[in-house]
N, C-alpha and C. Protein backbone atom coordinates (compact mmCIF):
# COMPACT_ATOMS: atom_id res chain seq x y z
N MET A 1 0.82 -1.19 0.00
CA MET A 1 0.00 0.00 0.00
C MET A 1 0.87 1.26 0.00
N LYS A 2 1.90 1.30 0.86
CA LYS A 2 2.78 2.45 0.91
C LYS A 2 3.54 2.63 -0.40
N THR A 3 3.95 1.52 -1.01
CA THR A 3 4.69 1.59 -2.26
C THR A 3 3.82 2.17 -3.37
N THR A 4 2.57 1.75 -3.45
CA THR A 4 1.66 2.27 -4.47
C THR A 4 1.43 3.76 -4.28
N PHE A 5 1.22 4.19 -3.05
CA PHE A 5 1.03 5.62 -2.77
C PHE A 5 2.27 6.41 -3.14
N LEU A 6 3.45 5.89 -2.77
CA LEU A 6 4.70 6.57 -3.06
C LEU A 6 4.92 6.71 -4.56
N CYS A 7 4.66 5.66 -5.31
CA CYS A 7 4.82 5.71 -6.77
C CYS A 7 3.86 6.73 -7.38
N GLY A 8 2.63 6.75 -6.90
CA GLY A 8 1.65 7.71 -7.39
C GLY A 8 2.05 9.14 -7.09
N ALA A 9 2.56 9.36 -5.89
CA ALA A 9 3.00 10.71 -5.50
C ALA A 9 4.19 11.16 -6.34
N LEU A 10 5.14 10.28 -6.57
CA LEU A 10 6.30 10.61 -7.40
C LEU A 10 5.89 10.90 -8.84
N ALA A 11 4.96 10.14 -9.36
CA ALA A 11 4.48 10.38 -10.72
C ALA A 11 3.79 11.74 -10.81
N ALA A 12 3.01 12.09 -9.82
CA ALA A 12 2.32 13.39 -9.81
C ALA A 12 3.33 14.53 -9.76
N LEU A 13 4.39 14.38 -8.97
CA LEU A 13 5.42 15.41 -8.90
C LEU A 13 6.15 15.56 -10.23
N ALA A 14 6.41 14.45 -10.89
CA ALA A 14 7.10 14.48 -12.17
C ALA A 14 6.27 15.20 -13.23
N LEU A 15 4.96 15.07 -13.17
CA LEU A 15 4.08 15.70 -14.14
C LEU A 15 3.69 17.12 -13.77
N ALA A 16 3.95 17.54 -12.55
CA ALA A 16 3.52 18.86 -12.08
C ALA A 16 4.02 20.01 -12.94
N PRO A 17 5.31 20.07 -13.33
CA PRO A 17 5.73 21.20 -14.15
C PRO A 17 4.97 21.30 -15.47
N ALA A 18 4.69 20.17 -16.11
CA ALA A 18 3.95 20.19 -17.36
C ALA A 18 2.53 20.69 -17.13
N ALA A 19 1.94 20.30 -16.03
CA ALA A 19 0.57 20.72 -15.73
C ALA A 19 0.50 22.22 -15.44
N LEU A 20 1.58 22.80 -14.95
CA LEU A 20 1.60 24.21 -14.61
C LEU A 20 2.00 25.09 -15.78
N ALA A 21 2.50 24.49 -16.87
CA ALA A 21 2.94 25.28 -18.02
C ALA A 21 1.76 26.05 -18.60
N GLU A 22 2.05 27.25 -19.08
CA GLU A 22 1.02 28.10 -19.67
C GLU A 22 1.20 28.21 -21.17
N GLU A 23 0.15 28.61 -21.85
CA GLU A 23 0.22 28.90 -23.27
C GLU A 23 0.01 30.40 -23.44
N HIS A 24 0.91 31.05 -24.15
CA HIS A 24 0.83 32.49 -24.40
C HIS A 24 0.57 32.69 -25.89
N ARG A 25 -0.42 33.49 -26.21
CA ARG A 25 -0.78 33.75 -27.61
C ARG A 25 -0.35 35.17 -27.98
N ILE A 26 0.37 35.26 -29.08
CA ILE A 26 0.81 36.55 -29.62
C ILE A 26 0.27 36.63 -31.04
N GLU A 27 -0.29 37.77 -31.40
CA GLU A 27 -0.81 37.96 -32.76
C GLU A 27 0.12 38.86 -33.56
N MET A 28 0.29 38.53 -34.83
CA MET A 28 0.98 39.40 -35.79
C MET A 28 -0.12 40.23 -36.46
N ARG A 29 0.01 41.57 -36.35
CA ARG A 29 -1.08 42.44 -36.82
C ARG A 29 -0.53 43.63 -37.61
N ASN A 30 -1.32 44.07 -38.58
CA ASN A 30 -0.98 45.30 -39.31
C ASN A 30 -1.20 46.52 -38.43
N ILE A 31 -2.24 46.47 -37.60
CA ILE A 31 -2.60 47.57 -36.70
C ILE A 31 -2.90 46.97 -35.34
N GLY A 32 -2.28 47.52 -34.29
CA GLY A 32 -2.53 47.05 -32.94
C GLY A 32 -3.75 47.72 -32.33
N SER A 33 -4.14 47.27 -31.17
CA SER A 33 -5.30 47.84 -30.48
C SER A 33 -5.06 49.30 -30.09
N ASP A 34 -3.79 49.72 -30.05
CA ASP A 34 -3.46 51.12 -29.74
C ASP A 34 -3.22 51.94 -31.01
N ALA A 35 -3.63 51.39 -32.17
CA ALA A 35 -3.52 52.03 -33.48
C ALA A 35 -2.09 52.14 -33.99
N GLN A 36 -1.15 51.47 -33.35
CA GLN A 36 0.23 51.45 -33.85
C GLN A 36 0.32 50.45 -35.00
N PRO A 37 1.05 50.81 -36.07
CA PRO A 37 1.17 49.90 -37.21
C PRO A 37 2.24 48.83 -36.98
N MET A 38 2.05 47.70 -37.64
CA MET A 38 3.02 46.60 -37.68
C MET A 38 3.48 46.19 -36.29
N VAL A 39 2.67 45.37 -35.62
CA VAL A 39 2.95 45.01 -34.24
C VAL A 39 2.76 43.51 -33.99
N PHE A 40 3.44 43.06 -32.96
CA PHE A 40 3.10 41.81 -32.29
C PHE A 40 2.24 42.25 -31.10
N GLN A 41 1.15 41.55 -30.88
CA GLN A 41 0.26 41.94 -29.79
C GLN A 41 -0.08 40.72 -28.95
N PRO A 42 0.31 40.69 -27.69
CA PRO A 42 1.12 41.68 -26.99
C PRO A 42 2.57 41.64 -27.47
N ALA A 43 3.24 42.76 -27.34
CA ALA A 43 4.64 42.84 -27.76
C ALA A 43 5.57 42.31 -26.67
N PHE A 44 5.09 42.25 -25.43
CA PHE A 44 5.89 41.74 -24.31
C PHE A 44 5.13 40.63 -23.61
N VAL A 45 5.82 39.52 -23.38
CA VAL A 45 5.24 38.39 -22.67
C VAL A 45 6.22 37.95 -21.59
N GLN A 46 5.71 37.73 -20.40
CA GLN A 46 6.48 37.15 -19.29
C GLN A 46 6.12 35.67 -19.25
N ALA A 47 7.12 34.80 -19.37
CA ALA A 47 6.87 33.36 -19.42
C ALA A 47 7.85 32.62 -18.52
N GLU A 48 7.65 31.32 -18.43
CA GLU A 48 8.52 30.44 -17.66
C GLU A 48 8.97 29.29 -18.55
N VAL A 49 10.09 28.68 -18.21
CA VAL A 49 10.56 27.51 -18.94
C VAL A 49 9.45 26.46 -18.93
N GLY A 50 9.17 25.89 -20.08
CA GLY A 50 8.11 24.91 -20.22
C GLY A 50 6.84 25.49 -20.81
N ASP A 51 6.69 26.81 -20.79
CA ASP A 51 5.51 27.45 -21.38
C ASP A 51 5.57 27.33 -22.91
N THR A 52 4.40 27.40 -23.52
CA THR A 52 4.29 27.35 -24.97
C THR A 52 3.92 28.74 -25.48
N ILE A 53 4.60 29.15 -26.53
CA ILE A 53 4.33 30.43 -27.18
C ILE A 53 3.68 30.12 -28.53
N VAL A 54 2.50 30.66 -28.75
CA VAL A 54 1.78 30.48 -30.01
C VAL A 54 1.71 31.85 -30.67
N ILE A 55 2.30 31.97 -31.86
CA ILE A 55 2.30 33.23 -32.59
C ILE A 55 1.44 33.04 -33.83
N VAL A 56 0.38 33.85 -33.90
CA VAL A 56 -0.66 33.67 -34.91
C VAL A 56 -0.67 34.85 -35.87
N ASN A 57 -0.76 34.56 -37.16
CA ASN A 57 -0.89 35.63 -38.14
C ASN A 57 -2.35 36.06 -38.18
N ALA A 58 -2.67 37.13 -37.46
CA ALA A 58 -4.06 37.60 -37.34
C ALA A 58 -4.48 38.49 -38.50
N MET A 59 -3.54 39.19 -39.10
CA MET A 59 -3.86 40.03 -40.25
C MET A 59 -2.59 40.46 -40.96
N GLY A 60 -2.65 40.46 -42.28
CA GLY A 60 -1.53 40.94 -43.08
C GLY A 60 -0.57 39.85 -43.49
N ALA A 61 0.47 40.26 -44.18
CA ALA A 61 1.53 39.36 -44.65
C ALA A 61 2.72 39.50 -43.72
N HIS A 62 2.89 38.51 -42.84
CA HIS A 62 3.95 38.57 -41.83
C HIS A 62 4.64 37.22 -41.70
N ASN A 63 5.84 37.26 -41.12
CA ASN A 63 6.49 36.05 -40.66
C ASN A 63 7.00 36.34 -39.26
N VAL A 64 7.49 35.33 -38.59
CA VAL A 64 8.12 35.52 -37.28
C VAL A 64 9.41 34.74 -37.27
N GLN A 65 10.43 35.39 -36.73
CA GLN A 65 11.72 34.72 -36.59
C GLN A 65 12.47 35.32 -35.41
N THR A 66 13.46 34.57 -34.96
CA THR A 66 14.24 35.03 -33.81
C THR A 66 15.16 36.18 -34.23
N ILE A 67 15.51 36.99 -33.24
CA ILE A 67 16.46 38.08 -33.46
C ILE A 67 17.82 37.61 -32.94
N GLU A 68 18.78 37.52 -33.83
CA GLU A 68 20.13 37.09 -33.44
C GLU A 68 20.67 38.06 -32.39
N GLY A 69 21.19 37.50 -31.31
CA GLY A 69 21.73 38.31 -30.22
C GLY A 69 20.73 38.55 -29.10
N VAL A 70 19.44 38.44 -29.44
CA VAL A 70 18.39 38.59 -28.42
C VAL A 70 17.69 37.23 -28.32
N TRP A 71 18.51 36.22 -28.08
CA TRP A 71 18.01 34.85 -27.99
C TRP A 71 18.96 34.09 -27.10
N PRO A 72 18.47 33.38 -26.10
CA PRO A 72 19.37 32.70 -25.15
C PRO A 72 20.20 31.60 -25.80
N GLU A 73 21.41 31.48 -25.30
CA GLU A 73 22.27 30.39 -25.74
C GLU A 73 21.61 29.07 -25.38
N GLY A 74 21.62 28.14 -26.30
CA GLY A 74 21.04 26.83 -26.06
C GLY A 74 19.59 26.69 -26.53
N ALA A 75 18.92 27.81 -26.78
CA ALA A 75 17.53 27.77 -27.28
C ALA A 75 17.57 27.69 -28.81
N ASP A 76 16.74 26.85 -29.38
CA ASP A 76 16.67 26.71 -30.84
C ASP A 76 16.08 27.96 -31.46
N SER A 77 16.79 28.53 -32.43
CA SER A 77 16.26 29.68 -33.16
C SER A 77 15.40 29.16 -34.32
N PHE A 78 14.65 30.06 -34.94
CA PHE A 78 13.77 29.63 -36.04
C PHE A 78 13.51 30.79 -36.98
N VAL A 79 13.10 30.45 -38.20
CA VAL A 79 12.63 31.40 -39.20
C VAL A 79 11.32 30.85 -39.71
N GLY A 80 10.23 31.54 -39.42
CA GLY A 80 8.92 31.10 -39.86
C GLY A 80 8.65 31.53 -41.29
N SER A 81 7.80 30.80 -41.96
CA SER A 81 7.40 31.13 -43.33
C SER A 81 6.37 32.26 -43.31
N MET A 82 6.27 32.95 -44.42
CA MET A 82 5.29 34.03 -44.55
C MET A 82 3.88 33.48 -44.34
N ASN A 83 3.08 34.23 -43.60
CA ASN A 83 1.67 33.95 -43.35
C ASN A 83 1.42 32.65 -42.61
N GLN A 84 2.42 32.15 -41.91
CA GLN A 84 2.28 30.91 -41.16
C GLN A 84 2.37 31.18 -39.67
N ASP A 85 1.57 30.46 -38.90
CA ASP A 85 1.64 30.53 -37.45
C ASP A 85 2.90 29.80 -36.98
N MET A 86 3.35 30.10 -35.77
CA MET A 86 4.53 29.47 -35.21
C MET A 86 4.22 29.11 -33.76
N THR A 87 4.61 27.93 -33.36
CA THR A 87 4.46 27.49 -31.96
C THR A 87 5.78 26.91 -31.50
N PHE A 88 6.21 27.32 -30.31
CA PHE A 88 7.41 26.73 -29.73
C PHE A 88 7.28 26.68 -28.22
N THR A 89 8.02 25.77 -27.63
CA THR A 89 8.06 25.63 -26.18
C THR A 89 9.35 26.24 -25.68
N VAL A 90 9.26 27.08 -24.66
CA VAL A 90 10.41 27.76 -24.11
C VAL A 90 11.27 26.76 -23.33
N THR A 91 12.56 26.72 -23.66
CA THR A 91 13.46 25.77 -23.01
C THR A 91 14.56 26.42 -22.19
N GLU A 92 14.77 27.72 -22.36
CA GLU A 92 15.87 28.42 -21.68
C GLU A 92 15.38 29.73 -21.07
N GLU A 93 15.92 30.09 -19.92
CA GLU A 93 15.63 31.40 -19.34
C GLU A 93 16.36 32.48 -20.12
N GLY A 94 15.83 33.68 -20.09
CA GLY A 94 16.47 34.81 -20.75
C GLY A 94 15.52 35.57 -21.64
N LEU A 95 16.08 36.45 -22.44
CA LEU A 95 15.32 37.30 -23.35
C LEU A 95 15.25 36.64 -24.72
N HIS A 96 14.03 36.55 -25.24
CA HIS A 96 13.76 35.94 -26.54
C HIS A 96 13.16 37.02 -27.44
N GLY A 97 13.95 37.56 -28.34
CA GLY A 97 13.47 38.60 -29.25
C GLY A 97 12.93 37.98 -30.53
N ILE A 98 11.79 38.53 -31.00
CA ILE A 98 11.21 38.07 -32.25
C ILE A 98 10.98 39.28 -33.16
N LYS A 99 10.96 39.00 -34.46
CA LYS A 99 10.71 40.06 -35.44
C LYS A 99 9.94 39.48 -36.63
N CYS A 100 9.29 40.37 -37.34
CA CYS A 100 8.74 40.07 -38.66
C CYS A 100 9.75 40.67 -39.63
N LEU A 101 10.44 39.83 -40.38
CA LEU A 101 11.52 40.34 -41.23
C LEU A 101 11.06 41.42 -42.21
N PRO A 102 9.95 41.26 -42.93
CA PRO A 102 9.56 42.33 -43.86
C PRO A 102 9.22 43.65 -43.17
N HIS A 103 8.85 43.61 -41.89
CA HIS A 103 8.44 44.83 -41.18
C HIS A 103 9.34 45.14 -39.99
N TYR A 104 10.53 44.59 -39.98
CA TYR A 104 11.48 44.80 -38.87
C TYR A 104 11.82 46.28 -38.74
N GLU A 105 12.21 46.91 -39.83
CA GLU A 105 12.59 48.33 -39.77
C GLU A 105 11.40 49.21 -39.38
N ALA A 106 10.19 48.76 -39.70
CA ALA A 106 8.97 49.49 -39.33
C ALA A 106 8.63 49.31 -37.85
N GLY A 107 9.41 48.47 -37.16
CA GLY A 107 9.24 48.32 -35.72
C GLY A 107 8.50 47.08 -35.27
N MET A 108 8.32 46.10 -36.14
CA MET A 108 7.57 44.91 -35.75
C MET A 108 8.49 43.93 -35.02
N VAL A 109 8.59 44.15 -33.70
CA VAL A 109 9.42 43.33 -32.82
C VAL A 109 8.62 42.97 -31.57
N GLY A 110 9.04 41.90 -30.94
CA GLY A 110 8.43 41.49 -29.69
C GLY A 110 9.50 40.93 -28.78
N LEU A 111 9.18 40.82 -27.49
CA LEU A 111 10.14 40.33 -26.52
C LEU A 111 9.43 39.41 -25.53
N ILE A 112 10.02 38.24 -25.35
CA ILE A 112 9.52 37.27 -24.38
C ILE A 112 10.59 37.12 -23.32
N LYS A 113 10.26 37.47 -22.09
CA LYS A 113 11.20 37.31 -20.98
C LYS A 113 10.83 36.02 -20.26
N VAL A 114 11.81 35.14 -20.16
CA VAL A 114 11.58 33.85 -19.52
C VAL A 114 12.36 33.81 -18.22
N GLY A 115 11.65 33.58 -17.13
CA GLY A 115 12.26 33.56 -15.80
C GLY A 115 11.94 34.83 -15.05
N SER A 116 12.06 34.76 -13.73
CA SER A 116 11.68 35.91 -12.91
C SER A 116 12.86 36.77 -12.49
N GLY A 117 14.07 36.28 -12.64
CA GLY A 117 15.24 37.06 -12.24
C GLY A 117 15.81 37.84 -13.40
N GLY A 118 17.08 38.19 -13.26
CA GLY A 118 17.78 38.86 -14.34
C GLY A 118 17.98 37.91 -15.50
N ALA A 119 18.02 38.45 -16.70
CA ALA A 119 18.19 37.62 -17.89
C ALA A 119 19.67 37.33 -18.12
N PRO A 120 20.04 36.05 -18.26
CA PRO A 120 21.46 35.72 -18.47
C PRO A 120 22.03 36.29 -19.77
N ASN A 121 21.19 36.61 -20.74
CA ASN A 121 21.68 37.16 -22.00
C ASN A 121 21.40 38.67 -22.13
N GLN A 122 21.22 39.33 -21.01
CA GLN A 122 20.89 40.76 -21.01
C GLN A 122 21.95 41.60 -21.74
N ALA A 123 23.22 41.38 -21.42
CA ALA A 123 24.29 42.19 -22.03
C ALA A 123 24.32 41.99 -23.55
N ALA A 124 24.20 40.77 -24.00
CA ALA A 124 24.21 40.50 -25.44
C ALA A 124 22.99 41.14 -26.11
N ALA A 125 21.84 41.05 -25.47
CA ALA A 125 20.62 41.64 -26.02
C ALA A 125 20.73 43.16 -26.09
N ASP A 126 21.31 43.77 -25.06
CA ASP A 126 21.49 45.23 -25.05
C ASP A 126 22.42 45.70 -26.16
N ALA A 127 23.34 44.86 -26.60
CA ALA A 127 24.34 45.24 -27.60
C ALA A 127 23.79 45.19 -29.03
N VAL A 128 22.64 44.58 -29.24
CA VAL A 128 22.09 44.45 -30.59
C VAL A 128 21.57 45.80 -31.07
N VAL A 129 21.93 46.16 -32.30
CA VAL A 129 21.46 47.40 -32.91
C VAL A 129 20.31 47.05 -33.85
N HIS A 130 19.16 47.66 -33.62
CA HIS A 130 17.97 47.39 -34.42
C HIS A 130 17.74 48.53 -35.40
N PRO A 131 17.22 48.23 -36.59
CA PRO A 131 17.02 49.28 -37.59
C PRO A 131 15.76 50.10 -37.36
N GLY A 132 15.78 51.34 -37.81
CA GLY A 132 14.59 52.19 -37.84
C GLY A 132 13.79 52.22 -36.56
N ARG A 133 12.49 52.07 -36.72
CA ARG A 133 11.55 52.15 -35.59
C ARG A 133 11.71 50.99 -34.61
N ALA A 134 12.30 49.88 -35.07
CA ALA A 134 12.51 48.73 -34.19
C ALA A 134 13.42 49.10 -33.01
N ALA A 135 14.33 50.04 -33.22
CA ALA A 135 15.24 50.45 -32.13
C ALA A 135 14.46 51.03 -30.95
N ASP A 136 13.52 51.93 -31.23
CA ASP A 136 12.72 52.54 -30.15
C ASP A 136 11.80 51.53 -29.48
N ARG A 137 11.15 50.72 -30.30
CA ARG A 137 10.22 49.74 -29.72
C ARG A 137 10.96 48.70 -28.88
N MET A 138 12.10 48.23 -29.37
CA MET A 138 12.83 47.22 -28.60
C MET A 138 13.40 47.85 -27.32
N ALA A 139 13.83 49.09 -27.37
CA ALA A 139 14.32 49.77 -26.15
C ALA A 139 13.23 49.82 -25.09
N ALA A 140 12.01 50.12 -25.50
CA ALA A 140 10.89 50.16 -24.55
C ALA A 140 10.59 48.77 -24.00
N LEU A 141 10.68 47.75 -24.84
CA LEU A 141 10.44 46.37 -24.37
C LEU A 141 11.53 45.91 -23.42
N MET A 142 12.77 46.26 -23.71
CA MET A 142 13.88 45.89 -22.83
C MET A 142 13.73 46.58 -21.48
N ALA A 143 13.30 47.83 -21.46
CA ALA A 143 13.08 48.53 -20.21
C ALA A 143 11.97 47.85 -19.41
N ARG A 144 10.94 47.41 -20.09
CA ARG A 144 9.85 46.71 -19.42
C ARG A 144 10.33 45.38 -18.82
N ALA A 145 11.21 44.70 -19.52
CA ALA A 145 11.74 43.43 -19.04
C ALA A 145 12.58 43.60 -17.77
N GLN A 146 13.21 44.75 -17.62
CA GLN A 146 14.04 44.99 -16.44
C GLN A 146 13.22 45.52 -15.28
N GLY A 147 12.07 46.07 -15.56
CA GLY A 147 11.26 46.69 -14.50
C GLY A 147 10.29 45.76 -13.93
């Protein structure tokens, strides 16, 4: 009887992190709810290792891909196809930057902060130079990640 209970308890503990994982939905949009053009909405997501990120093309011609330098070491980077949704599971703590390549200079960037402490890739992410409007938007997202 004790052995059966112990095995059941251990199995429940092993499955607990998966049961607690969340799914975060981000939309790629031509116009955001705040009337800003070319956005990921929400542009900032706070997540934990094991969470799933679902990025949906809600309107327009967009893709999603990782931003080199704003991506944790050890996490798989990706380049999504045009007009295709993307789903990935977060495997590393840190800052995960995403962009729509055709609208990157127009400011279509997003940031996923994984973990509750400081980001291990903060210095590398701060060193990335973004083009055009993406520079201002990413600066605001990075400030939000630190606050």
